[in-house]
Amino acid sequence: MTFSEIPYKRIELEDMKKEMAALKVRFQAAVCGEEQFKVHQDLYLLKDHIMTERTLSEIRNSVNTKDEFYDAEETYYNAFDPEFAMELKEYGELMLASPYRDYLESRIGKLAFINLELDKKAFSEETKELKKEENELQMAYDKLIASAEIPFEGEVYNLSLLRPHLTDVSREHRRSAWKAMEGYFSAVTPKIDDIYDRMVKNRTQQARMMGYEDYRELGYYRMRRNSYDRNMVAKFREAVKKYFVPLSVKIHEERRERIGVSELKIYDNDVFFKDGNPKPFNDPEKILKAGAQMYKELSPETGEFFEFMMKNELFDVLGRKDKKAGGYMTYLPDYKYPFIFANFNGTSSDVDVITHECGHAFQGYITRNEEIREANDLTMETAEIHSMSMEYFTYGWMDRFFGDEAKKYLEMHLEDSIIFLPYGCMVDEFQHIVYEKPDMTPKQRKNVWLELEEEYRPWLKYDGEGFFSEGGFWQKQGHIFHSPFYYIDYVLASVCAMQFKIRMDKDFDGAWKDYMKLAALSVKKPYEEELQECGLKSPFDEDCIRWIAESIWGK
């Protein structure tokens, strides 16, 4: 059935607990590994169904944040989710203690049991109420951002629909648009400060209740960091700072000259050409049609995938006033449906949805029949490789979206990808400092952001006083509120995607073959082992960062 035809029914908390209790009893009563594995397969079915209904509610709330029914459902799931997480943790502890663990590992994989050990450290019964409160705070932030009403030149915009004005060809026009956005954030920053302050203290309290010094250790467990630690990430950030900040300074200096300004201001930061950034054909149906043709020509598998998505209405990409900001790909296990949510706004980011989010969805599509669910339980540093690499693999089709401006788009995209690396590391280091020092005041956090900008974005200048010049830029970065320590995964993945870019320029078919191998592997092996098998170097190797910085930008 199409997405619009899918029925929704709330998963009742008590029903979930009863079914989980029955599974745990059966698992403990099993007399052999095969019998326990059959119980585990029934858990797959239960978990699939719960996640399908849970995700349906989330999508329909994202599509219309003012829909009272799904707003209430999301409030309900804020309390449901920690309860379900605890049930899964208890079930996982039975698996870890199973006398038939060797057999289960042979069927499910050793990596799955490493993740169960991390889950054991990530959740506890005593923190459930705090976790519910944390979910409510995340929802409060989302509502605040989605409800933005920004007056500008006689119209009222939300943050997504204001985007074209922020990159307008007229410098004065985009300066005015940035000032309008800054006015909105200046008005709501006390609320955001309060939400984030409560989030930080909530997460810190959870960590300390579980015996950790601060949230950083707990946050890494919750992100299932099964292949690297904070020290490795810190060294990675330093390598990016060493090699990519100087490269980014060069790119920005060339861009400054190209757009004809004496100094790059915040409202110039996303503008790459004097006559304006390249824009796709301003017709969503044409963009989707071009996407269908592109994926048909890229490979038989991608062509089949995109047709499947279109046939089953698995895109909701048109920008609307009451939609949640941003974009994402998610998955409905009962139907084996990837789903893409976005906000088209007439800028090049519309095409990025067709490449980036479709990279995620394509990987979900080709692994949708995987029997062992743990083999497809992606951690983000791997998942983001699929999406970011697809942005590069589709370079050859950008004329379908941009016409004569395709070359400009490719130049902009590559430069933007490079200068993203320092920003992504800055977001990550900011969060490490925040959770190391959870008692900082809102003003102190903003000062930390300004200090990090001097290190990671030294070219950026603000225009007078105001919200952004006072260190508030991070408050529009939703990942900081939703998923602490997630953002570095984009940077790690971007390093891997750039390796595919360098390779595909010399041997497209060979690079694509390894991309398909990586997508099919999903998470059957540890992170660096998978990378090596697919011809990629570890981002944690400083020589890899140096080589990419020297090779990726041909100027």
Protein backbone atom coordinates (compact mmCIF):
# COMPACT_ATOMS: atom_id res chain seq x y z
CA MET A 1 0.00 0.00 0.00
CA THR A 2 1.06 3.60 -0.44
CA PHE A 3 2.22 5.60 2.54
CA SER A 4 -1.01 7.58 2.76
CA GLU A 5 -2.96 4.32 3.03
CA ILE A 6 -0.97 2.89 5.93
CA PRO A 7 -3.13 2.69 9.06
CA TYR A 8 -1.80 3.79 12.42
CA LYS A 9 -2.53 2.25 15.81
CA ARG A 10 -0.88 3.28 19.06
CA ILE A 11 1.31 0.67 20.76
CA GLU A 12 -0.08 0.43 24.26
CA LEU A 13 2.54 0.37 26.99
CA GLU A 14 1.04 -2.50 28.94
CA ASP A 15 0.62 -4.63 25.81
CA MET A 16 4.29 -4.09 24.96
CA LYS A 17 5.37 -5.05 28.47
CA LYS A 18 3.28 -8.21 28.44
CA GLU A 19 4.68 -9.32 25.10
CA MET A 20 8.24 -8.57 26.17
CA ALA A 21 7.70 -10.46 29.44
CA ALA A 22 6.44 -13.48 27.53
CA LEU A 23 9.46 -13.42 25.22
CA LYS A 24 11.84 -13.24 28.18
CA VAL A 25 10.16 -16.21 29.84
CA ARG A 26 10.37 -18.25 26.63
CA PHE A 27 14.00 -17.26 26.10
CA GLN A 28 15.00 -18.41 29.58
CA ALA A 29 13.05 -21.65 29.24
CA ALA A 30 14.69 -22.58 25.93
CA VAL A 31 16.76 -25.78 26.05
CA CYS A 32 19.12 -25.06 23.18
CA GLY A 33 20.60 -22.21 21.17
CA GLU A 34 18.34 -22.80 18.18
CA GLU A 35 15.26 -22.52 20.35
CA GLN A 36 16.54 -19.25 21.80
CA PHE A 37 17.22 -17.98 18.31
CA LYS A 38 13.60 -18.72 17.34
CA VAL A 39 12.46 -16.63 20.30
CA HIS A 40 14.79 -13.93 19.11
CA GLN A 41 13.19 -14.01 15.68
CA ASP A 42 9.84 -13.37 17.38
CA LEU A 43 11.44 -10.37 19.08
CA TYR A 44 12.35 -9.10 15.62
CA LEU A 45 8.67 -9.20 14.63
CA LEU A 46 7.52 -7.44 17.78
CA LYS A 47 10.22 -4.80 17.55
CA ASP A 48 9.48 -4.25 13.86
CA HIS A 49 5.83 -3.62 14.60
CA ILE A 50 6.49 -1.30 17.51
CA MET A 51 9.02 0.71 15.52
CA THR A 52 6.68 0.92 12.54
CA GLU A 53 3.84 2.45 14.55
CA ARG A 54 6.27 4.61 16.50
CA THR A 55 7.83 5.91 13.28
CA LEU A 56 4.46 6.52 11.62
CA SER A 57 3.54 8.79 14.50
CA GLU A 58 6.85 10.63 14.24
CA ILE A 59 6.54 11.16 10.48
CA ARG A 60 2.97 12.40 10.65
CA ASN A 61 3.88 14.76 13.47
CA SER A 62 6.83 16.06 11.38
CA VAL A 63 4.58 16.61 8.37
CA ASN A 64 2.21 18.77 10.41
CA THR A 65 3.44 19.86 13.82
CA LYS A 66 0.05 21.42 14.54
CA ASP A 67 -1.87 18.17 14.12
CA GLU A 68 -3.22 17.75 17.66
CA PHE A 69 -3.67 13.97 17.39
CA TYR A 70 -0.07 13.19 16.44
CA ASP A 71 1.23 15.86 18.77
CA ALA A 72 -0.45 13.94 21.58
CA GLU A 73 0.95 10.66 20.25
CA GLU A 74 4.48 12.03 20.32
CA THR A 75 3.94 13.20 23.89
CA TYR A 76 2.80 9.67 24.71
CA TYR A 77 5.89 8.12 23.09
CA ASN A 78 8.16 10.44 25.06
CA ALA A 79 7.17 8.30 28.05
CA PHE A 80 6.89 5.03 26.11
CA ASP A 81 10.38 5.08 24.58
CA PRO A 82 12.40 4.81 27.83
CA GLU A 83 10.15 1.96 29.00
CA PHE A 84 10.74 0.06 25.75
CA ALA A 85 14.48 0.75 25.93
CA MET A 86 14.57 -0.80 29.40
CA GLU A 87 12.67 -3.89 28.23
CA LEU A 88 15.15 -4.35 25.39
CA LYS A 89 18.05 -3.86 27.79
CA GLU A 90 16.72 -6.57 30.11
CA TYR A 91 16.21 -8.92 27.18
CA GLY A 92 19.75 -8.14 26.00
CA GLU A 93 21.16 -9.04 29.41
CA LEU A 94 19.53 -12.46 29.07
CA MET A 95 21.30 -12.89 25.75
CA LEU A 96 24.64 -11.87 27.25
CA ALA A 97 24.20 -14.41 30.06
CA SER A 98 22.85 -17.19 27.84
CA PRO A 99 24.51 -20.62 28.18
CA TYR A 100 24.08 -20.82 24.41
CA ARG A 101 25.79 -17.53 23.70
CA ASP A 102 28.35 -19.08 21.35
CA TYR A 103 25.56 -20.41 19.16
CA LEU A 104 23.71 -17.09 19.23
CA GLU A 105 26.88 -15.26 18.28
CA SER A 106 27.31 -17.61 15.34
CA ARG A 107 23.82 -16.69 14.12
CA ILE A 108 23.61 -13.02 15.06
CA GLY A 109 27.25 -11.96 14.98
CA LYS A 110 29.82 -10.96 17.60
CA LEU A 111 29.35 -7.26 16.91
CA ALA A 112 25.73 -7.51 18.05
CA PHE A 113 26.92 -8.70 21.46
CA ILE A 114 29.43 -5.86 21.71
CA ASN A 115 26.49 -3.51 21.15
CA LEU A 116 24.47 -5.29 23.82
CA GLU A 117 27.31 -4.66 26.28
CA LEU A 118 27.15 -0.97 25.36
CA ASP A 119 23.37 -0.90 25.78
CA LYS A 120 23.83 -2.42 29.22
CA LYS A 121 25.97 0.60 30.13
CA ALA A 122 23.69 3.09 28.41
CA PHE A 123 20.35 2.67 30.17
CA SER A 124 19.14 2.05 33.69
CA GLU A 125 15.83 1.73 35.48
CA GLU A 126 16.67 4.63 37.79
CA THR A 127 17.08 7.11 34.93
CA LYS A 128 13.78 6.35 33.15
CA GLU A 129 11.94 9.39 34.46
CA LEU A 130 14.83 11.66 33.54
CA LYS A 131 14.91 10.13 30.07
CA LYS A 132 11.22 10.90 29.65
CA GLU A 133 11.88 14.50 30.67
CA GLU A 134 14.78 14.64 28.19
CA ASN A 135 12.44 13.52 25.40
CA GLU A 136 9.95 16.23 26.37
CA LEU A 137 12.69 18.86 26.20
CA GLN A 138 13.67 17.70 22.73
CA MET A 139 10.06 17.99 21.64
CA ALA A 140 9.84 21.48 23.15
CA TYR A 141 12.85 22.58 21.09
CA ASP A 142 11.35 21.09 17.90
CA LYS A 143 8.05 22.88 18.48
CA LEU A 144 9.79 26.17 19.08
CA ILE A 145 11.82 25.91 15.85
CA ALA A 146 8.87 24.62 13.79
CA SER A 147 6.62 27.44 15.01
CA ALA A 148 8.98 30.20 13.88
CA GLU A 149 7.11 33.05 12.22
CA ILE A 150 9.59 35.49 10.73
CA PRO A 151 8.22 38.69 9.17
CA PHE A 152 10.21 39.69 6.10
CA GLU A 153 9.29 42.12 3.34
CA GLY A 154 5.56 41.85 3.88
CA GLU A 155 5.47 38.05 4.22
CA VAL A 156 5.82 35.65 7.14
CA TYR A 157 8.25 32.72 6.80
CA ASN A 158 9.36 29.73 8.78
CA LEU A 159 13.08 28.90 8.90
CA SER A 160 12.98 26.49 5.94
CA LEU A 161 11.06 28.81 3.63
CA LEU A 162 13.25 31.80 4.54
CA ARG A 163 16.32 29.96 3.22
CA PRO A 164 16.27 31.31 -0.39
CA HIS A 165 16.37 34.86 0.94
CA LEU A 166 19.42 34.08 3.09
CA THR A 167 21.39 33.25 -0.07
CA ASP A 168 19.91 35.88 -2.38
CA VAL A 169 22.15 37.43 -5.06
CA SER A 170 21.64 40.87 -3.53
CA ARG A 171 23.94 41.33 -0.55
CA GLU A 172 21.62 43.87 1.06
CA HIS A 173 18.62 41.56 0.58
CA ARG A 174 20.29 38.59 2.25
CA ARG A 175 21.67 40.85 5.00
CA SER A 176 18.10 41.93 5.74
CA ALA A 177 16.96 38.28 5.71
CA TRP A 178 19.71 37.31 8.15
CA LYS A 179 18.71 40.22 10.37
CA ALA A 180 15.11 38.98 10.27
CA MET A 181 16.22 35.49 11.30
CA GLU A 182 18.49 36.95 13.95
CA GLY A 183 15.53 38.89 15.31
CA TYR A 184 13.57 35.67 15.71
CA PHE A 185 16.41 33.90 17.54
CA SER A 186 17.08 36.93 19.71
CA ALA A 187 13.46 36.78 20.83
CA VAL A 188 13.47 33.06 21.62
CA THR A 189 17.05 32.55 22.81
CA PRO A 190 16.00 32.81 26.50
CA LYS A 191 13.65 29.87 25.88
CA ILE A 192 16.30 27.92 23.99
CA ASP A 193 18.87 28.67 26.70
CA ASP A 194 16.45 27.34 29.29
CA ILE A 195 15.66 24.20 27.27
CA TYR A 196 19.32 23.43 26.65
CA ASP A 197 20.39 24.22 30.20
CA ARG A 198 17.79 21.77 31.48
CA MET A 199 18.88 19.21 28.86
CA VAL A 200 22.53 19.42 29.89
CA LYS A 201 21.73 19.16 33.58
CA ASN A 202 19.25 16.32 32.94
CA ARG A 203 21.76 14.30 30.93
CA THR A 204 24.50 15.00 33.46
CA GLN A 205 22.25 13.80 36.27
CA GLN A 206 21.48 10.61 34.35
CA ALA A 207 25.20 9.99 33.89
CA ARG A 208 26.05 10.56 37.54
CA MET A 209 23.17 8.37 38.73
CA MET A 210 24.76 5.60 36.65
CA GLY A 211 28.22 6.18 38.14
CA TYR A 212 29.82 8.21 35.36
CA GLU A 213 31.76 11.42 35.93
CA ASP A 214 29.77 13.29 33.29
CA TYR A 215 27.56 12.71 30.26
CA ARG A 216 30.39 12.29 27.76
CA GLU A 217 30.97 8.64 28.65
CA LEU A 218 27.26 7.85 28.79
CA GLY A 219 26.66 9.72 25.53
CA TYR A 220 29.25 7.58 23.75
CA TYR A 221 27.59 4.40 25.02
CA ARG A 222 24.21 5.66 23.80
CA MET A 223 25.71 6.38 20.38
CA ARG A 224 27.06 2.79 20.38
CA ARG A 225 30.64 3.85 19.84
CA ASN A 226 31.86 0.28 19.42
CA SER A 227 35.05 0.99 17.45
CA TYR A 228 36.55 4.24 18.74
CA ASP A 229 36.71 6.48 21.81
CA ARG A 230 36.91 10.14 22.80
CA ASN A 231 40.70 10.26 22.52
CA MET A 232 40.56 9.03 18.93
CA VAL A 233 37.91 11.63 18.11
CA ALA A 234 39.98 14.40 19.73
CA LYS A 235 43.01 13.44 17.61
CA PHE A 236 40.78 13.34 14.53
CA ARG A 237 39.55 16.87 15.25
CA GLU A 238 43.15 18.05 15.59
CA ALA A 239 44.03 16.51 12.22
CA VAL A 240 41.08 18.28 10.61
CA LYS A 241 42.17 21.53 12.25
CA LYS A 242 45.74 21.01 11.02
CA TYR A 243 44.94 20.20 7.38
CA PHE A 244 41.42 21.36 6.59
CA VAL A 245 41.24 24.71 8.36
CA PRO A 246 44.11 26.12 6.24
CA LEU A 247 42.50 24.63 3.12
CA SER A 248 39.16 26.16 4.08
CA VAL A 249 40.83 29.56 4.57
CA LYS A 250 42.14 29.35 0.99
CA ILE A 251 38.71 28.37 -0.35
CA HIS A 252 37.02 31.21 1.50
CA GLU A 253 39.58 33.73 0.28
CA GLU A 254 38.97 32.66 -3.30
CA ARG A 255 35.22 32.81 -2.69
CA ARG A 256 35.53 36.29 -1.16
CA GLU A 257 37.24 37.50 -4.33
CA ARG A 258 34.74 35.66 -6.50
CA ILE A 259 31.68 37.31 -4.94
CA GLY A 260 33.43 40.68 -4.83
CA VAL A 261 33.40 41.67 -1.17
CA SER A 262 36.17 43.09 0.98
CA GLU A 263 35.30 40.92 3.98
CA LEU A 264 33.13 37.82 4.39
CA LYS A 265 30.25 38.48 6.75
CA ILE A 266 27.85 35.94 8.23
CA TYR A 267 25.33 36.72 5.48
CA ASP A 268 27.97 35.91 2.83
CA ASN A 269 28.85 32.56 4.36
CA ASP A 270 26.57 30.48 2.15
CA VAL A 271 27.02 32.46 -1.10
CA PHE A 272 29.49 31.10 -3.63
CA PHE A 273 29.04 33.22 -6.77
CA LYS A 274 28.57 36.93 -7.42
CA ASP A 275 25.53 36.26 -9.61
CA GLY A 276 24.05 33.93 -6.99
CA ASN A 277 24.21 30.28 -6.10
CA PRO A 278 23.04 27.83 -8.77
CA LYS A 279 19.39 26.89 -8.32
CA PRO A 280 17.62 23.81 -9.60
CA PHE A 281 14.64 24.00 -11.91
CA ASN A 282 12.02 25.38 -9.55
CA ASP A 283 9.50 22.60 -9.92
CA PRO A 284 9.45 19.76 -7.35
CA GLU A 285 7.83 17.36 -9.81
CA LYS A 286 10.61 18.00 -12.32
CA ILE A 287 13.23 17.43 -9.64
CA LEU A 288 11.70 14.08 -8.70
CA LYS A 289 11.33 13.12 -12.36
CA ALA A 290 14.98 14.00 -13.02
CA GLY A 291 15.91 11.96 -9.96
CA ALA A 292 14.07 8.95 -11.33
CA GLN A 293 15.93 9.18 -14.64
CA MET A 294 19.27 9.72 -12.92
CA TYR A 295 18.95 6.67 -10.71
CA LYS A 296 17.73 4.56 -13.63
CA GLU A 297 20.94 5.41 -15.49
CA LEU A 298 23.23 5.09 -12.47
CA SER A 299 22.53 1.37 -11.93
CA PRO A 300 19.72 -1.20 -12.19
CA GLU A 301 19.52 -1.32 -8.39
CA THR A 302 19.16 2.44 -7.91
CA GLY A 303 16.62 2.65 -10.74
CA GLU A 304 14.45 -0.02 -9.12
CA PHE A 305 14.81 1.68 -5.74
CA PHE A 306 13.66 5.13 -6.89
CA GLU A 307 10.70 3.70 -8.78
CA PHE A 308 9.70 1.85 -5.61
CA MET A 309 9.90 5.07 -3.58
CA MET A 310 7.77 7.02 -6.04
CA LYS A 311 5.19 4.27 -6.50
CA ASN A 312 4.61 4.00 -2.75
CA GLU A 313 4.55 7.75 -1.97
CA LEU A 314 7.65 7.55 0.20
CA PHE A 315 8.66 11.19 -0.24
CA ASP A 316 7.25 14.16 1.65
CA VAL A 317 9.53 16.93 0.48
CA LEU A 318 7.46 20.02 -0.23
CA GLY A 319 8.12 22.92 2.16
CA ARG A 320 5.04 23.91 4.15
CA LYS A 321 4.42 26.33 6.96
CA ASP A 322 3.66 23.84 9.72
CA LYS A 323 6.24 21.17 8.85
CA LYS A 324 9.11 20.35 11.14
CA ALA A 325 12.34 21.99 10.01
CA GLY A 326 15.12 20.01 8.30
CA GLY A 327 15.06 16.62 6.67
CA TYR A 328 15.69 12.97 7.41
CA MET A 329 15.33 9.43 6.14
CA THR A 330 13.62 6.84 8.32
CA TYR A 331 12.30 3.30 7.91
CA LEU A 332 9.02 1.40 8.40
CA PRO A 333 10.06 -2.20 9.13
CA ASP A 334 6.64 -3.87 8.76
CA TYR A 335 6.40 -2.63 5.17
CA LYS A 336 10.14 -2.57 4.39
CA TYR A 337 9.64 1.05 3.35
CA PRO A 338 12.33 3.72 3.55
CA PHE A 339 10.75 7.17 3.92
CA ILE A 340 12.23 10.59 3.12
CA PHE A 341 11.11 13.79 4.82
CA ALA A 342 12.38 17.21 3.69
CA ASN A 343 11.49 20.83 3.00
CA PHE A 344 12.03 21.89 -0.62
CA ASN A 345 12.63 25.63 -0.76
CA GLY A 346 13.90 26.33 -4.27
CA THR A 347 17.62 26.17 -3.42
CA SER A 348 20.28 23.58 -4.25
CA SER A 349 19.46 21.81 -0.99
CA ASP A 350 16.39 20.40 -2.79
CA VAL A 351 18.74 18.36 -4.99
CA ASP A 352 20.84 17.40 -1.97
CA VAL A 353 17.72 15.66 -0.65
CA ILE A 354 17.55 13.58 -3.84
CA THR A 355 21.19 12.57 -3.40
CA HIS A 356 21.96 12.57 0.35
CA GLU A 357 18.70 11.26 1.80
CA CYS A 358 18.32 8.84 -1.10
CA GLY A 359 21.76 7.47 -0.24
CA HIS A 360 20.37 6.51 3.16
CA ALA A 361 17.14 5.19 1.71
CA PHE A 362 18.89 3.18 -1.01
CA GLN A 363 20.99 1.37 1.58
CA GLY A 364 17.84 0.62 3.57
CA TYR A 365 16.15 -0.64 0.43
CA ILE A 366 18.86 -3.06 -0.71
CA THR A 367 19.20 -4.53 2.80
CA ARG A 368 15.45 -4.63 3.55
CA ASN A 369 15.29 -8.44 3.42
CA GLU A 370 18.17 -8.99 5.85
CA GLU A 371 17.09 -11.77 8.21
CA ILE A 372 19.40 -10.73 11.06
CA ARG A 373 18.18 -7.33 12.15
CA GLU A 374 21.36 -6.57 14.08
CA ALA A 375 23.31 -6.78 10.81
CA ASN A 376 21.37 -3.72 9.65
CA ASP A 377 21.35 -1.81 12.93
CA LEU A 378 23.52 0.99 11.62
CA THR A 379 25.65 3.29 13.69
CA MET A 380 25.82 6.80 12.30
CA GLU A 381 29.47 7.01 11.27
CA THR A 382 28.70 4.20 8.80
CA ALA A 383 25.19 5.29 7.79
CA GLU A 384 26.36 8.74 6.77
CA ILE A 385 28.92 7.31 4.34
CA HIS A 386 26.07 5.92 2.23
CA SER A 387 24.41 9.33 1.98
CA MET A 388 27.44 11.57 1.56
CA SER A 389 29.05 9.28 -1.01
CA MET A 390 25.86 9.26 -3.09
CA GLU A 391 26.18 13.04 -3.38
CA TYR A 392 29.44 12.47 -5.28
CA PHE A 393 28.38 9.43 -7.28
CA THR A 394 25.56 11.48 -8.82
CA TYR A 395 27.81 14.37 -9.95
CA GLY A 396 27.53 13.28 -13.58
CA TRP A 397 23.77 13.96 -13.66
CA MET A 398 23.64 17.45 -12.15
CA ASP A 399 22.85 19.00 -15.54
CA ARG A 400 19.44 17.32 -15.23
CA PHE A 401 18.70 19.56 -12.26
CA PHE A 402 20.74 22.71 -12.91
CA GLY A 403 21.08 22.90 -16.69
CA ASP A 404 23.88 25.27 -17.67
CA GLU A 405 24.65 25.95 -14.01
CA ALA A 406 25.64 22.34 -13.29
CA LYS A 407 29.37 23.14 -13.31
CA LYS A 408 28.82 25.92 -10.79
CA TYR A 409 26.82 23.57 -8.58
CA LEU A 410 29.62 20.99 -8.60
CA GLU A 411 32.17 23.64 -7.65
CA MET A 412 29.94 24.91 -4.88
CA HIS A 413 29.14 21.43 -3.58
CA LEU A 414 32.78 20.37 -3.37
CA GLU A 415 33.87 23.59 -1.67
CA ASP A 416 30.95 23.40 0.75
CA SER A 417 31.80 19.77 1.58
CA ILE A 418 35.40 20.72 2.37
CA ILE A 419 34.59 23.71 4.57
CA PHE A 420 31.99 21.63 6.41
CA LEU A 421 34.68 19.50 8.05
CA PRO A 422 35.97 22.25 10.38
CA TYR A 423 32.40 23.26 11.25
CA GLY A 424 31.42 19.67 12.05
CA CYS A 425 34.43 19.27 14.34
CA MET A 426 33.61 22.58 16.02
CA VAL A 427 30.09 21.37 16.82
CA ASP A 428 31.55 18.20 18.31
CA GLU A 429 34.19 19.94 20.42
CA PHE A 430 31.57 22.42 21.65
CA GLN A 431 29.47 19.55 22.99
CA HIS A 432 32.43 17.89 24.68
CA ILE A 433 33.20 21.14 26.49
CA VAL A 434 29.55 21.68 27.43
CA TYR A 435 29.19 18.25 29.01
CA GLU A 436 32.60 18.40 30.66
CA LYS A 437 31.48 21.66 32.32
CA PRO A 438 27.71 21.23 32.72
CA ASP A 439 27.35 24.11 35.18
CA MET A 440 28.31 26.78 32.66
CA THR A 441 25.83 29.60 32.23
CA PRO A 442 24.13 30.18 28.86
CA LYS A 443 26.43 33.17 28.29
CA GLN A 444 29.51 31.06 29.02
CA ARG A 445 28.37 28.45 26.49
CA LYS A 446 27.98 31.14 23.86
CA ASN A 447 31.46 32.41 24.67
CA VAL A 448 32.83 28.89 24.17
CA TRP A 449 31.22 28.85 20.73
CA LEU A 450 32.84 32.17 19.82
CA GLU A 451 36.27 30.92 20.96
CA LEU A 452 35.91 27.76 18.88
CA GLU A 453 34.94 29.82 15.84
CA GLU A 454 38.28 31.61 16.07
CA GLU A 455 39.98 28.21 15.74
CA TYR A 456 37.73 26.51 13.21
CA ARG A 457 36.20 29.39 11.20
CA PRO A 458 38.67 32.28 11.41
CA TRP A 459 37.40 33.80 8.16
CA LEU A 460 33.89 34.41 9.52
CA LYS A 461 32.95 37.93 10.60
CA TYR A 462 29.70 39.14 12.15
CA ASP A 463 27.93 42.36 11.34
CA GLY A 464 27.59 44.45 14.47
CA GLU A 465 25.88 43.36 17.64
CA GLY A 466 23.19 40.70 17.97
CA PHE A 467 22.36 37.07 18.50
CA PHE A 468 24.93 35.58 16.10
CA SER A 469 27.79 37.89 17.06
CA GLU A 470 27.18 36.92 20.70
CA GLY A 471 27.78 33.21 20.02
CA GLY A 472 24.25 31.95 19.43
CA PHE A 473 24.70 30.33 16.01
CA TRP A 474 24.73 26.81 17.47
CA GLN A 475 21.14 27.17 18.67
CA LYS A 476 19.88 26.58 15.13
CA GLN A 477 21.80 23.27 14.91
CA GLY A 478 19.17 20.71 15.92
CA HIS A 479 21.59 17.79 16.34
CA ILE A 480 23.06 19.49 19.42
CA PHE A 481 19.67 19.19 21.10
CA HIS A 482 18.51 15.81 19.77
CA SER A 483 21.61 13.63 19.57
CA PRO A 484 24.66 14.64 21.59
CA PHE A 485 27.91 13.60 19.88
CA TYR A 486 26.15 12.58 16.63
CA TYR A 487 27.54 15.43 14.55
CA ILE A 488 31.11 14.12 14.34
CA ASP A 489 29.71 11.13 12.43
CA TYR A 490 29.02 13.45 9.49
CA VAL A 491 32.67 14.49 9.48
CA LEU A 492 34.00 10.94 9.75
CA ALA A 493 31.65 9.87 6.96
CA SER A 494 32.58 12.87 4.81
CA VAL A 495 36.24 11.83 4.97
CA CYS A 496 35.25 8.40 3.65
CA ALA A 497 32.96 9.89 0.98
CA MET A 498 35.80 12.13 -0.20
CA GLN A 499 37.92 9.03 -0.66
CA PHE A 500 35.22 7.63 -2.94
CA LYS A 501 35.24 10.98 -4.80
CA ILE A 502 38.98 10.82 -5.39
CA ARG A 503 38.70 7.20 -6.52
CA MET A 504 35.66 7.64 -8.78
CA ASP A 505 37.43 10.42 -10.68
CA LYS A 506 39.91 7.75 -11.80
CA ASP A 507 37.77 4.59 -11.79
CA PHE A 508 34.05 5.24 -11.39
CA ASP A 509 32.97 1.60 -11.85
CA GLY A 510 35.50 0.32 -9.31
CA ALA A 511 34.49 2.93 -6.75
CA TRP A 512 30.80 2.17 -7.30
CA LYS A 513 31.42 -1.55 -6.84
CA ASP A 514 33.02 -0.88 -3.46
CA TYR A 515 30.20 1.50 -2.51
CA MET A 516 27.67 -1.25 -3.20
CA LYS A 517 29.77 -3.65 -1.16
CA LEU A 518 29.79 -1.21 1.77
CA ALA A 519 26.04 -0.66 1.54
CA ALA A 520 25.38 -4.41 1.51
CA LEU A 521 27.77 -5.07 4.41
CA SER A 522 25.73 -2.65 6.52
CA VAL A 523 27.23 -3.36 9.97
CA LYS A 524 28.21 -6.99 9.73
CA LYS A 525 31.80 -6.13 10.69
CA PRO A 526 33.53 -3.53 12.88
CA TYR A 527 33.87 -0.03 11.42
CA GLU A 528 37.51 0.11 10.36
CA GLU A 529 37.45 -3.50 9.17
CA GLU A 530 34.52 -2.70 6.86
CA LEU A 531 36.26 0.38 5.53
CA GLN A 532 39.38 -1.60 4.70
CA GLU A 533 37.34 -4.29 2.93
CA CYS A 534 35.79 -1.59 0.73
CA GLY A 535 39.08 0.09 -0.14
CA LEU A 536 38.76 3.00 2.31
CA LYS A 537 41.34 4.29 4.78
CA SER A 538 40.48 4.97 8.40
CA PRO A 539 39.60 8.60 9.20
CA PHE A 540 41.59 8.14 12.41
CA ASP A 541 44.80 7.88 10.37
CA GLU A 542 46.31 11.39 10.21
CA ASP A 543 48.06 10.52 6.93
CA CYS A 544 44.61 9.83 5.45
CA ILE A 545 43.40 13.33 6.44
CA ARG A 546 46.55 14.92 5.01
CA TRP A 547 46.24 12.96 1.72
CA ILE A 548 42.59 13.95 1.25
CA ALA A 549 43.30 17.62 2.00
CA GLU A 550 46.06 17.55 -0.62
CA SER A 551 44.00 15.65 -3.22
CA ILE A 552 40.36 16.72 -2.99
CA TRP A 553 40.56 20.35 -4.17
CA GLY A 554 42.25 20.70 -7.52
CA LYS A 555 43.32 24.36 -7.23
